[in-house]
Full PDB file with SEQRES, HELIX, SHEET, SSBOND, CRYST1, ORIGX, SCALE, CONECT and MASTER records, all heavy atoms in Angstrom:
SEQRES   1 A   35  LEU GLU ALA ALA PHE ASP ASN GLY ILE ASN PHE ILE ASP          
SEQRES   2 A   35  SER ALA ASP ILE TYR GLY GLN GLY GLU SER GLU LYS ILE          
SEQRES   3 A   35  PHE GLY GLN VAL LEU LYS LEU SER LYS                          
HELIX    1 AA1 GLU A    2  ASP A    6  1                                   5    
HELIX    2 AA2 TYR A   18  GLY A   21  5                                   4    
HELIX    3 AA3 GLU A   22  LEU A   33  1                                  12    
CRYST1    1.000    1.000    1.000  90.00  90.00  90.00 P 1           1          
ORIGX1      1.000000  0.000000  0.000000        0.00000                         
ORIGX2      0.000000  1.000000  0.000000        0.00000                         
ORIGX3      0.000000  0.000000  1.000000        0.00000                         
SCALE1      1.000000  0.000000  0.000000        0.00000                         
SCALE2      0.000000  1.000000  0.000000        0.00000                         
SCALE3      0.000000  0.000000  1.000000        0.00000                         
ATOM      1  N   LEU A   1     159.591 260.871  11.674  1.00  0.00           N  
ATOM      2  CA  LEU A   1     160.253 262.119  11.277  1.00  0.00           C  
ATOM      3  C   LEU A   1     159.238 263.244  11.126  1.00  0.00           C  
ATOM      4  O   LEU A   1     159.453 264.357  11.613  1.00  0.00           O  
ATOM      5  CB  LEU A   1     161.029 261.941   9.973  1.00  0.00           C  
ATOM      6  CG  LEU A   1     161.655 263.223   9.420  1.00  0.00           C  
ATOM      7  CD1 LEU A   1     162.739 263.755  10.353  1.00  0.00           C  
ATOM      8  CD2 LEU A   1     162.198 263.007   8.024  1.00  0.00           C  
ATOM      9  N   GLU A   2     158.123 262.968  10.465  1.00  0.00           N  
ATOM     10  CA  GLU A   2     157.123 264.008  10.248  1.00  0.00           C  
ATOM     11  C   GLU A   2     156.494 264.458  11.562  1.00  0.00           C  
ATOM     12  O   GLU A   2     156.233 265.647  11.747  1.00  0.00           O  
ATOM     13  CB  GLU A   2     156.084 263.536   9.236  1.00  0.00           C  
ATOM     14  CG  GLU A   2     156.683 263.452   7.834  1.00  0.00           C  
ATOM     15  CD  GLU A   2     155.719 262.950   6.769  1.00  0.00           C  
ATOM     16  OE1 GLU A   2     154.619 262.459   7.117  1.00  0.00           O  
ATOM     17  OE2 GLU A   2     156.088 263.044   5.581  1.00  0.00           O  
ATOM     18  N   ALA A   3     156.264 263.549  12.494  1.00  0.00           N  
ATOM     19  CA  ALA A   3     155.722 263.925  13.806  1.00  0.00           C  
ATOM     20  C   ALA A   3     156.710 264.816  14.544  1.00  0.00           C  
ATOM     21  O   ALA A   3     156.325 265.828  15.149  1.00  0.00           O  
ATOM     22  CB  ALA A   3     155.406 262.683  14.628  1.00  0.00           C  
ATOM     23  N   ALA A   4     157.992 264.455  14.502  1.00  0.00           N  
ATOM     24  CA  ALA A   4     159.019 265.283  15.155  1.00  0.00           C  
ATOM     25  C   ALA A   4     159.071 266.658  14.516  1.00  0.00           C  
ATOM     26  O   ALA A   4     159.071 267.689  15.210  1.00  0.00           O  
ATOM     27  CB  ALA A   4     160.378 264.596  15.074  1.00  0.00           C  
ATOM     28  N   PHE A   5     159.082 266.705  13.200  1.00  0.00           N  
ATOM     29  CA  PHE A   5     159.159 267.981  12.482  1.00  0.00           C  
ATOM     30  C   PHE A   5     157.931 268.844  12.763  1.00  0.00           C  
ATOM     31  O   PHE A   5     158.051 270.053  12.977  1.00  0.00           O  
ATOM     32  CB  PHE A   5     159.319 267.731  10.978  1.00  0.00           C  
ATOM     33  CG  PHE A   5     159.605 268.974  10.191  1.00  0.00           C  
ATOM     34  CD1 PHE A   5     160.879 269.518  10.161  1.00  0.00           C  
ATOM     35  CD2 PHE A   5     158.593 269.591   9.487  1.00  0.00           C  
ATOM     36  CE1 PHE A   5     161.145 270.670   9.436  1.00  0.00           C  
ATOM     37  CE2 PHE A   5     158.849 270.745   8.749  1.00  0.00           C  
ATOM     38  CZ  PHE A   5     160.132 271.284   8.730  1.00  0.00           C  
ATOM     39  N   ASP A   6     156.759 268.224  12.776  1.00  0.00           N  
ATOM     40  CA  ASP A   6     155.525 268.959  13.061  1.00  0.00           C  
ATOM     41  C   ASP A   6     155.533 269.564  14.467  1.00  0.00           C  
ATOM     42  O   ASP A   6     154.808 270.519  14.745  1.00  0.00           O  
ATOM     43  CB  ASP A   6     154.299 268.057  12.890  1.00  0.00           C  
ATOM     44  CG  ASP A   6     154.007 267.721  11.432  1.00  0.00           C  
ATOM     45  OD1 ASP A   6     154.577 268.377  10.528  1.00  0.00           O  
ATOM     46  OD2 ASP A   6     153.235 266.770  11.198  1.00  0.00           O  
ATOM     47  N   ASN A   7     156.366 269.009  15.341  1.00  0.00           N  
ATOM     48  CA  ASN A   7     156.495 269.521  16.705  1.00  0.00           C  
ATOM     49  C   ASN A   7     157.738 270.392  16.882  1.00  0.00           C  
ATOM     50  O   ASN A   7     158.158 270.653  18.010  1.00  0.00           O  
ATOM     51  CB  ASN A   7     156.497 268.364  17.703  1.00  0.00           C  
ATOM     52  CG  ASN A   7     155.106 267.824  17.897  1.00  0.00           C  
ATOM     53  OD1 ASN A   7     154.284 268.442  18.569  1.00  0.00           O  
ATOM     54  ND2 ASN A   7     154.807 266.689  17.290  1.00  0.00           N  
ATOM     55  N   GLY A   8     158.314 270.827  15.772  1.00  0.00           N  
ATOM     56  CA  GLY A   8     159.399 271.800  15.818  1.00  0.00           C  
ATOM     57  C   GLY A   8     160.809 271.249  15.813  1.00  0.00           C  
ATOM     58  O   GLY A   8     161.769 272.010  15.925  1.00  0.00           O  
ATOM     59  N   ILE A   9     160.971 269.939  15.691  1.00  0.00           N  
ATOM     60  CA  ILE A   9     162.314 269.355  15.679  1.00  0.00           C  
ATOM     61  C   ILE A   9     162.838 269.331  14.248  1.00  0.00           C  
ATOM     62  O   ILE A   9     162.250 268.691  13.373  1.00  0.00           O  
ATOM     63  CB  ILE A   9     162.305 267.935  16.288  1.00  0.00           C  
ATOM     64  CG1 ILE A   9     161.905 268.022  17.763  1.00  0.00           C  
ATOM     65  CG2 ILE A   9     163.658 267.259  16.122  1.00  0.00           C  
ATOM     66  CD1 ILE A   9     161.718 266.688  18.440  1.00  0.00           C  
ATOM     67  N   ASN A  10     163.928 270.054  14.033  1.00  0.00           N  
ATOM     68  CA  ASN A  10     164.537 270.114  12.702  1.00  0.00           C  
ATOM     69  C   ASN A  10     165.996 269.659  12.717  1.00  0.00           C  
ATOM     70  O   ASN A  10     166.702 269.764  11.724  1.00  0.00           O  
ATOM     71  CB  ASN A  10     164.433 271.521  12.112  1.00  0.00           C  
ATOM     72  CG  ASN A  10     165.247 272.553  12.868  1.00  0.00           C  
ATOM     73  OD1 ASN A  10     165.785 272.289  13.944  1.00  0.00           O  
ATOM     74  ND2 ASN A  10     165.335 273.750  12.308  1.00  0.00           N  
ATOM     75  N   PHE A  11     166.453 269.144  13.858  1.00  0.00           N  
ATOM     76  CA  PHE A  11     167.830 268.696  14.023  1.00  0.00           C  
ATOM     77  C   PHE A  11     167.848 267.168  14.126  1.00  0.00           C  
ATOM     78  O   PHE A  11     167.157 266.587  14.967  1.00  0.00           O  
ATOM     79  CB  PHE A  11     168.427 269.313  15.296  1.00  0.00           C  
ATOM     80  CG  PHE A  11     169.848 268.890  15.563  1.00  0.00           C  
ATOM     81  CD1 PHE A  11     170.893 269.411  14.819  1.00  0.00           C  
ATOM     82  CD2 PHE A  11     170.125 267.979  16.558  1.00  0.00           C  
ATOM     83  CE1 PHE A  11     172.203 269.015  15.065  1.00  0.00           C  
ATOM     84  CE2 PHE A  11     171.426 267.581  16.811  1.00  0.00           C  
ATOM     85  CZ  PHE A  11     172.467 268.103  16.058  1.00  0.00           C  
ATOM     86  N   ILE A  12     168.609 266.524  13.255  1.00  0.00           N  
ATOM     87  CA  ILE A  12     168.664 265.073  13.196  1.00  0.00           C  
ATOM     88  C   ILE A  12     170.071 264.621  13.578  1.00  0.00           C  
ATOM     89  O   ILE A  12     171.060 265.125  13.051  1.00  0.00           O  
ATOM     90  CB  ILE A  12     168.343 264.554  11.773  1.00  0.00           C  
ATOM     91  CG1 ILE A  12     167.037 265.166  11.239  1.00  0.00           C  
ATOM     92  CG2 ILE A  12     168.328 263.031  11.735  1.00  0.00           C  
ATOM     93  CD1 ILE A  12     165.810 264.880  12.044  1.00  0.00           C  
ATOM     94  N   ASP A  13     170.158 263.650  14.486  1.00  0.00           N  
ATOM     95  CA  ASP A  13     171.443 263.091  14.902  1.00  0.00           C  
ATOM     96  C   ASP A  13     171.610 261.714  14.296  1.00  0.00           C  
ATOM     97  O   ASP A  13     170.747 260.852  14.447  1.00  0.00           O  
ATOM     98  CB  ASP A  13     171.517 262.987  16.427  1.00  0.00           C  
ATOM     99  CG  ASP A  13     172.780 262.259  16.855  1.00  0.00           C  
ATOM    100  OD1 ASP A  13     173.868 262.830  16.686  1.00  0.00           O  
ATOM    101  OD2 ASP A  13     172.672 261.113  17.332  1.00  0.00           O  
ATOM    102  N   SER A  14     172.719 261.513  13.614  1.00  0.00           N  
ATOM    103  CA  SER A  14     172.989 260.240  12.972  1.00  0.00           C  
ATOM    104  C   SER A  14     174.467 259.889  13.099  1.00  0.00           C  
ATOM    105  O   SER A  14     175.286 260.721  13.451  1.00  0.00           O  
ATOM    106  CB  SER A  14     172.598 260.323  11.488  1.00  0.00           C  
ATOM    107  OG  SER A  14     172.811 259.079  10.870  1.00  0.00           O  
ATOM    108  N   ALA A  15     174.783 258.649  12.799  1.00  0.00           N  
ATOM    109  CA  ALA A  15     176.168 258.191  12.701  1.00  0.00           C  
ATOM    110  C   ALA A  15     176.189 257.010  11.748  1.00  0.00           C  
ATOM    111  O   ALA A  15     175.224 256.246  11.671  1.00  0.00           O  
ATOM    112  CB  ALA A  15     176.719 257.783  14.063  1.00  0.00           C  
ATOM    113  N   ASP A  16     177.296 256.865  11.063  1.00  0.00           N  
ATOM    114  CA  ASP A  16     177.367 255.799  10.064  1.00  0.00           C  
ATOM    115  C   ASP A  16     177.339 254.402  10.662  1.00  0.00           C  
ATOM    116  O   ASP A  16     177.121 253.432   9.945  1.00  0.00           O  
ATOM    117  CB  ASP A  16     178.579 255.982   9.150  1.00  0.00           C  
ATOM    118  CG  ASP A  16     179.915 255.875   9.868  1.00  0.00           C  
ATOM    119  OD1 ASP A  16     179.967 256.086  11.099  1.00  0.00           O  
ATOM    120  OD2 ASP A  16     180.925 255.598   9.190  1.00  0.00           O  
ATOM    121  N   ILE A  17     177.506 254.278  11.975  1.00  0.00           N  
ATOM    122  CA  ILE A  17     177.455 252.947  12.600  1.00  0.00           C  
ATOM    123  C   ILE A  17     176.087 252.617  13.182  1.00  0.00           C  
ATOM    124  O   ILE A  17     175.860 251.483  13.598  1.00  0.00           O  
ATOM    125  CB  ILE A  17     178.532 252.782  13.694  1.00  0.00           C  
ATOM    126  CG1 ILE A  17     178.252 253.683  14.898  1.00  0.00           C  
ATOM    127  CG2 ILE A  17     179.911 252.987  13.125  1.00  0.00           C  
ATOM    128  CD1 ILE A  17     179.053 253.316  16.130  1.00  0.00           C  
ATOM    129  N   TYR A  18     175.154 253.577  13.207  1.00  0.00           N  
ATOM    130  CA  TYR A  18     173.842 253.305  13.797  1.00  0.00           C  
ATOM    131  C   TYR A  18     173.160 252.177  13.024  1.00  0.00           C  
ATOM    132  O   TYR A  18     173.012 252.233  11.810  1.00  0.00           O  
ATOM    133  CB  TYR A  18     172.953 254.543  13.767  1.00  0.00           C  
ATOM    134  CG  TYR A  18     173.338 255.630  14.755  1.00  0.00           C  
ATOM    135  CD1 TYR A  18     172.688 256.852  14.732  1.00  0.00           C  
ATOM    136  CD2 TYR A  18     174.325 255.452  15.710  1.00  0.00           C  
ATOM    137  CE1 TYR A  18     173.017 257.864  15.630  1.00  0.00           C  
ATOM    138  CE2 TYR A  18     174.656 256.451  16.611  1.00  0.00           C  
ATOM    139  CZ  TYR A  18     173.999 257.652  16.558  1.00  0.00           C  
ATOM    140  OH  TYR A  18     174.328 258.642  17.452  1.00  0.00           O  
ATOM    141  N   GLY A  19     172.733 251.158  13.757  1.00  0.00           N  
ATOM    142  CA  GLY A  19     172.082 250.019  13.117  1.00  0.00           C  
ATOM    143  C   GLY A  19     173.000 249.326  12.137  1.00  0.00           C  
ATOM    144  O   GLY A  19     172.545 248.785  11.140  1.00  0.00           O  
ATOM    145  N   GLN A  20     174.288 249.383  12.412  1.00  0.00           N  
ATOM    146  CA  GLN A  20     175.324 248.828  11.522  1.00  0.00           C  
ATOM    147  C   GLN A  20     175.196 249.408  10.113  1.00  0.00           C  
ATOM    148  O   GLN A  20     175.359 248.716   9.114  1.00  0.00           O  
ATOM    149  CB  GLN A  20     175.273 247.306  11.526  1.00  0.00           C  
ATOM    150  CG  GLN A  20     175.545 246.745  12.902  1.00  0.00           C  
ATOM    151  CD  GLN A  20     175.541 245.241  12.952  1.00  0.00           C  
ATOM    152  OE1 GLN A  20     175.404 244.570  11.945  1.00  0.00           O  
ATOM    153  NE2 GLN A  20     175.682 244.704  14.143  1.00  0.00           N  
ATOM    154  N   GLY A  21     174.889 250.681  10.045  1.00  0.00           N  
ATOM    155  CA  GLY A  21     174.780 251.394   8.779  1.00  0.00           C  
ATOM    156  C   GLY A  21     173.388 251.407   8.181  1.00  0.00           C  
ATOM    157  O   GLY A  21     173.104 252.203   7.282  1.00  0.00           O  
ATOM    158  N   GLU A  22     172.512 250.567   8.676  1.00  0.00           N  
ATOM    159  CA  GLU A  22     171.167 250.451   8.101  1.00  0.00           C  
ATOM    160  C   GLU A  22     170.271 251.638   8.449  1.00  0.00           C  
ATOM    161  O   GLU A  22     169.372 251.978   7.685  1.00  0.00           O  
ATOM    162  CB  GLU A  22     170.505 249.143   8.530  1.00  0.00           C  
ATOM    163  CG  GLU A  22     171.175 247.912   7.950  1.00  0.00           C  
ATOM    164  CD  GLU A  22     171.150 247.885   6.430  1.00  0.00           C  
ATOM    165  OE1 GLU A  22     170.083 248.134   5.833  1.00  0.00           O  
ATOM    166  OE2 GLU A  22     172.213 247.624   5.831  1.00  0.00           O  
ATOM    167  N   SER A  23     170.499 252.262   9.597  1.00  0.00           N  
ATOM    168  CA  SER A  23     169.647 253.395   9.984  1.00  0.00           C  
ATOM    169  C   SER A  23     169.772 254.546   9.000  1.00  0.00           C  
ATOM    170  O   SER A  23     168.773 255.180   8.649  1.00  0.00           O  
ATOM    171  CB  SER A  23     169.982 253.851  11.405  1.00  0.00           C  
ATOM    172  OG  SER A  23     169.540 252.888  12.333  1.00  0.00           O  
ATOM    173  N   GLU A  24     170.980 254.826   8.528  1.00  0.00           N  
ATOM    174  CA  GLU A  24     171.144 255.898   7.552  1.00  0.00           C  
ATOM    175  C   GLU A  24     170.510 255.529   6.212  1.00  0.00           C  
ATOM    176  O   GLU A  24     169.993 256.393   5.517  1.00  0.00           O  
ATOM    177  CB  GLU A  24     172.615 256.266   7.389  1.00  0.00           C  
ATOM    178  CG  GLU A  24     173.118 257.103   8.550  1.00  0.00           C  
ATOM    179  CD  GLU A  24     174.450 257.778   8.285  1.00  0.00           C  
ATOM    180  OE1 GLU A  24     175.234 257.291   7.442  1.00  0.00           O  
ATOM    181  OE2 GLU A  24     174.700 258.807   8.931  1.00  0.00           O  
ATOM    182  N   LYS A  25     170.539 254.247   5.851  1.00  0.00           N  
ATOM    183  CA  LYS A  25     169.881 253.821   4.605  1.00  0.00           C  
ATOM    184  C   LYS A  25     168.370 254.051   4.693  1.00  0.00           C  
ATOM    185  O   LYS A  25     167.752 254.556   3.758  1.00  0.00           O  
ATOM    186  CB  LYS A  25     170.184 252.356   4.318  1.00  0.00           C  
ATOM    187  CG  LYS A  25     171.609 252.113   3.880  1.00  0.00           C  
ATOM    188  CD  LYS A  25     171.851 250.644   3.617  1.00  0.00           C  
ATOM    189  CE  LYS A  25     173.309 250.404   3.276  1.00  0.00           C  
ATOM    190  NZ  LYS A  25     173.609 248.978   3.118  1.00  0.00           N  
ATOM    191  N   ILE A  26     167.782 253.665   5.833  1.00  0.00           N  
ATOM    192  CA  ILE A  26     166.348 253.883   6.030  1.00  0.00           C  
ATOM    193  C   ILE A  26     166.053 255.385   6.003  1.00  0.00           C  
ATOM    194  O   ILE A  26     165.080 255.829   5.391  1.00  0.00           O  
ATOM    195  CB  ILE A  26     165.850 253.257   7.351  1.00  0.00           C  
ATOM    196  CG1 ILE A  26     165.997 251.740   7.320  1.00  0.00           C  
ATOM    197  CG2 ILE A  26     164.418 253.681   7.670  1.00  0.00           C  
ATOM    198  CD1 ILE A  26     165.027 251.031   6.408  1.00  0.00           C  
ATOM    199  N   PHE A  27     166.903 256.174   6.664  1.00  0.00           N  
ATOM    200  CA  PHE A  27     166.695 257.620   6.696  1.00  0.00           C  
ATOM    201  C   PHE A  27     166.733 258.201   5.285  1.00  0.00           C  
ATOM    202  O   PHE A  27     165.949 259.097   4.956  1.00  0.00           O  
ATOM    203  CB  PHE A  27     167.725 258.297   7.595  1.00  0.00           C  
ATOM    204  CG  PHE A  27     167.460 259.763   7.785  1.00  0.00           C  
ATOM    205  CD1 PHE A  27     166.362 260.192   8.508  1.00  0.00           C  
ATOM    206  CD2 PHE A  27     168.300 260.712   7.239  1.00  0.00           C  
ATOM    207  CE1 PHE A  27     166.095 261.538   8.680  1.00  0.00           C  
ATOM    208  CE2 PHE A  27     168.050 262.061   7.406  1.00  0.00           C  
ATOM    209  CZ  PHE A  27     166.942 262.473   8.127  1.00  0.00           C  
ATOM    210  N   GLY A  28     167.608 257.694   4.438  1.00  0.00           N  
ATOM    211  CA  GLY A  28     167.640 258.138   3.037  1.00  0.00           C  
ATOM    212  C   GLY A  28     166.312 257.873   2.338  1.00  0.00           C  
ATOM    213  O   GLY A  28     165.817 258.709   1.577  1.00  0.00           O  
ATOM    214  N   GLN A  29     165.714 256.716   2.602  1.00  0.00           N  
ATOM    215  CA  GLN A  29     164.407 256.395   2.025  1.00  0.00           C  
ATOM    216  C   GLN A  29     163.338 257.330   2.582  1.00  0.00           C  
ATOM    217  O   GLN A  29     162.434 257.760   1.851  1.00  0.00           O  
ATOM    218  CB  GLN A  29     164.048 254.941   2.319  1.00  0.00           C  
ATOM    219  CG  GLN A  29     164.954 253.947   1.647  1.00  0.00           C  
ATOM    220  CD  GLN A  29     164.692 252.516   2.107  1.00  0.00           C  
ATOM    221  OE1 GLN A  29     163.639 252.202   2.667  1.00  0.00           O  
ATOM    222  NE2 GLN A  29     165.659 251.646   1.870  1.00  0.00           N  
ATOM    223  N   VAL A  30     163.451 257.628   3.876  1.00  0.00           N  
ATOM    224  CA  VAL A  30     162.490 258.522   4.528  1.00  0.00           C  
ATOM    225  C   VAL A  30     162.510 259.897   3.861  1.00  0.00           C  
ATOM    226  O   VAL A  30     161.454 260.495   3.628  1.00  0.00           O  
ATOM    227  CB  VAL A  30     162.799 258.637   6.038  1.00  0.00           C  
ATOM    228  CG1 VAL A  30     162.054 259.787   6.680  1.00  0.00           C  
ATOM    229  CG2 VAL A  30     162.472 257.331   6.740  1.00  0.00           C  
ATOM    230  N   LEU A  31     163.688 260.400   3.564  1.00  0.00           N  
ATOM    231  CA  LEU A  31     163.772 261.717   2.926  1.00  0.00           C  
ATOM    232  C   LEU A  31     163.065 261.738   1.577  1.00  0.00           C  
ATOM    233  O   LEU A  31     162.508 262.762   1.176  1.00  0.00           O  
ATOM    234  CB  LEU A  31     165.227 262.147   2.773  1.00  0.00           C  
ATOM    235  CG  LEU A  31     165.939 262.520   4.067  1.00  0.00           C  
ATOM    236  CD1 LEU A  31     167.403 262.832   3.796  1.00  0.00           C  
ATOM    237  CD2 LEU A  31     165.264 263.690   4.764  1.00  0.00           C  
ATOM    238  N   LYS A  32     163.060 260.613   0.876  1.00  0.00           N  
ATOM    239  CA  LYS A  32     162.353 260.531  -0.412  1.00  0.00           C  
ATOM    240  C   LYS A  32     160.845 260.432  -0.218  1.00  0.00           C  
ATOM    241  O   LYS A  32     160.077 260.945  -1.027  1.00  0.00           O  
ATOM    242  CB  LYS A  32     162.863 259.339  -1.213  1.00  0.00           C  
ATOM    243  CG  LYS A  32     164.281 259.505  -1.703  1.00  0.00           C  
ATOM    244  CD  LYS A  32     164.770 258.271  -2.419  1.00  0.00           C  
ATOM    245  CE  LYS A  32     166.225 258.447  -2.826  1.00  0.00           C  
ATOM    246  NZ  LYS A  32     166.795 257.225  -3.388  1.00  0.00           N  
ATOM    247  N   LEU A  33     160.410 259.764   0.851  1.00  0.00           N  
ATOM    248  CA  LEU A  33     158.981 259.555   1.100  1.00  0.00           C  
ATOM    249  C   LEU A  33     158.311 260.744   1.786  1.00  0.00           C  
ATOM    250  O   LEU A  33     157.104 260.947   1.640  1.00  0.00           O  
ATOM    251  CB  LEU A  33     158.780 258.320   1.986  1.00  0.00           C  
ATOM    252  CG  LEU A  33     159.143 256.973   1.392  1.00  0.00           C  
ATOM    253  CD1 LEU A  33     159.094 255.886   2.467  1.00  0.00           C  
ATOM    254  CD2 LEU A  33     158.208 256.631   0.251  1.00  0.00           C  
ATOM    255  N   SER A  34     159.072 261.499   2.524  1.00  0.00           N  
ATOM    256  CA  SER A  34     158.509 262.530   3.396  1.00  0.00           C  
ATOM    257  C   SER A  34     158.087 263.785   2.641  1.00  0.00           C  
ATOM    258  O   SER A  34     158.638 264.122   1.601  1.00  0.00           O  
ATOM    259  CB  SER A  34     159.546 262.911   4.457  1.00  0.00           C  
ATOM    260  OG  SER A  34     159.060 263.953   5.264  1.00  0.00           O  
ATOM    261  N   LYS A  35     157.137 264.480   3.240  1.00  0.00           N  
ATOM    262  CA  LYS A  35     156.704 265.783   2.725  1.00  0.00           C  
ATOM    263  C   LYS A  35     157.704 266.875   3.102  1.00  0.00           C  
ATOM    264  O   LYS A  35     157.629 267.997   2.605  1.00  0.00           O  
ATOM    265  CB  LYS A  35     155.326 266.129   3.290  1.00  0.00           C  
ATOM    266  CG  LYS A  35     155.350 266.299   4.803  1.00  0.00           C  
ATOM    267  CD  LYS A  35     153.999 266.618   5.387  1.00  0.00           C  
ATOM    268  CE  LYS A  35     154.146 266.789   6.900  1.00  0.00           C  
ATOM    269  NZ  LYS A  35     152.919 267.019   7.578  1.00  0.00           N  
TER     270      LYS A  35                                                      
MASTER        0    0    0    3    0    0    0    6  269    1    0    3          
END                                                                             
């Protein structure tokens, strides 16, 4: 996420079924860890 953001990407595509719901859970953790 930080590499994408550092390169100008600020748009995130998600869906509640990605990774059977686990991808959004990981993304939630990422938002807490990220600068």
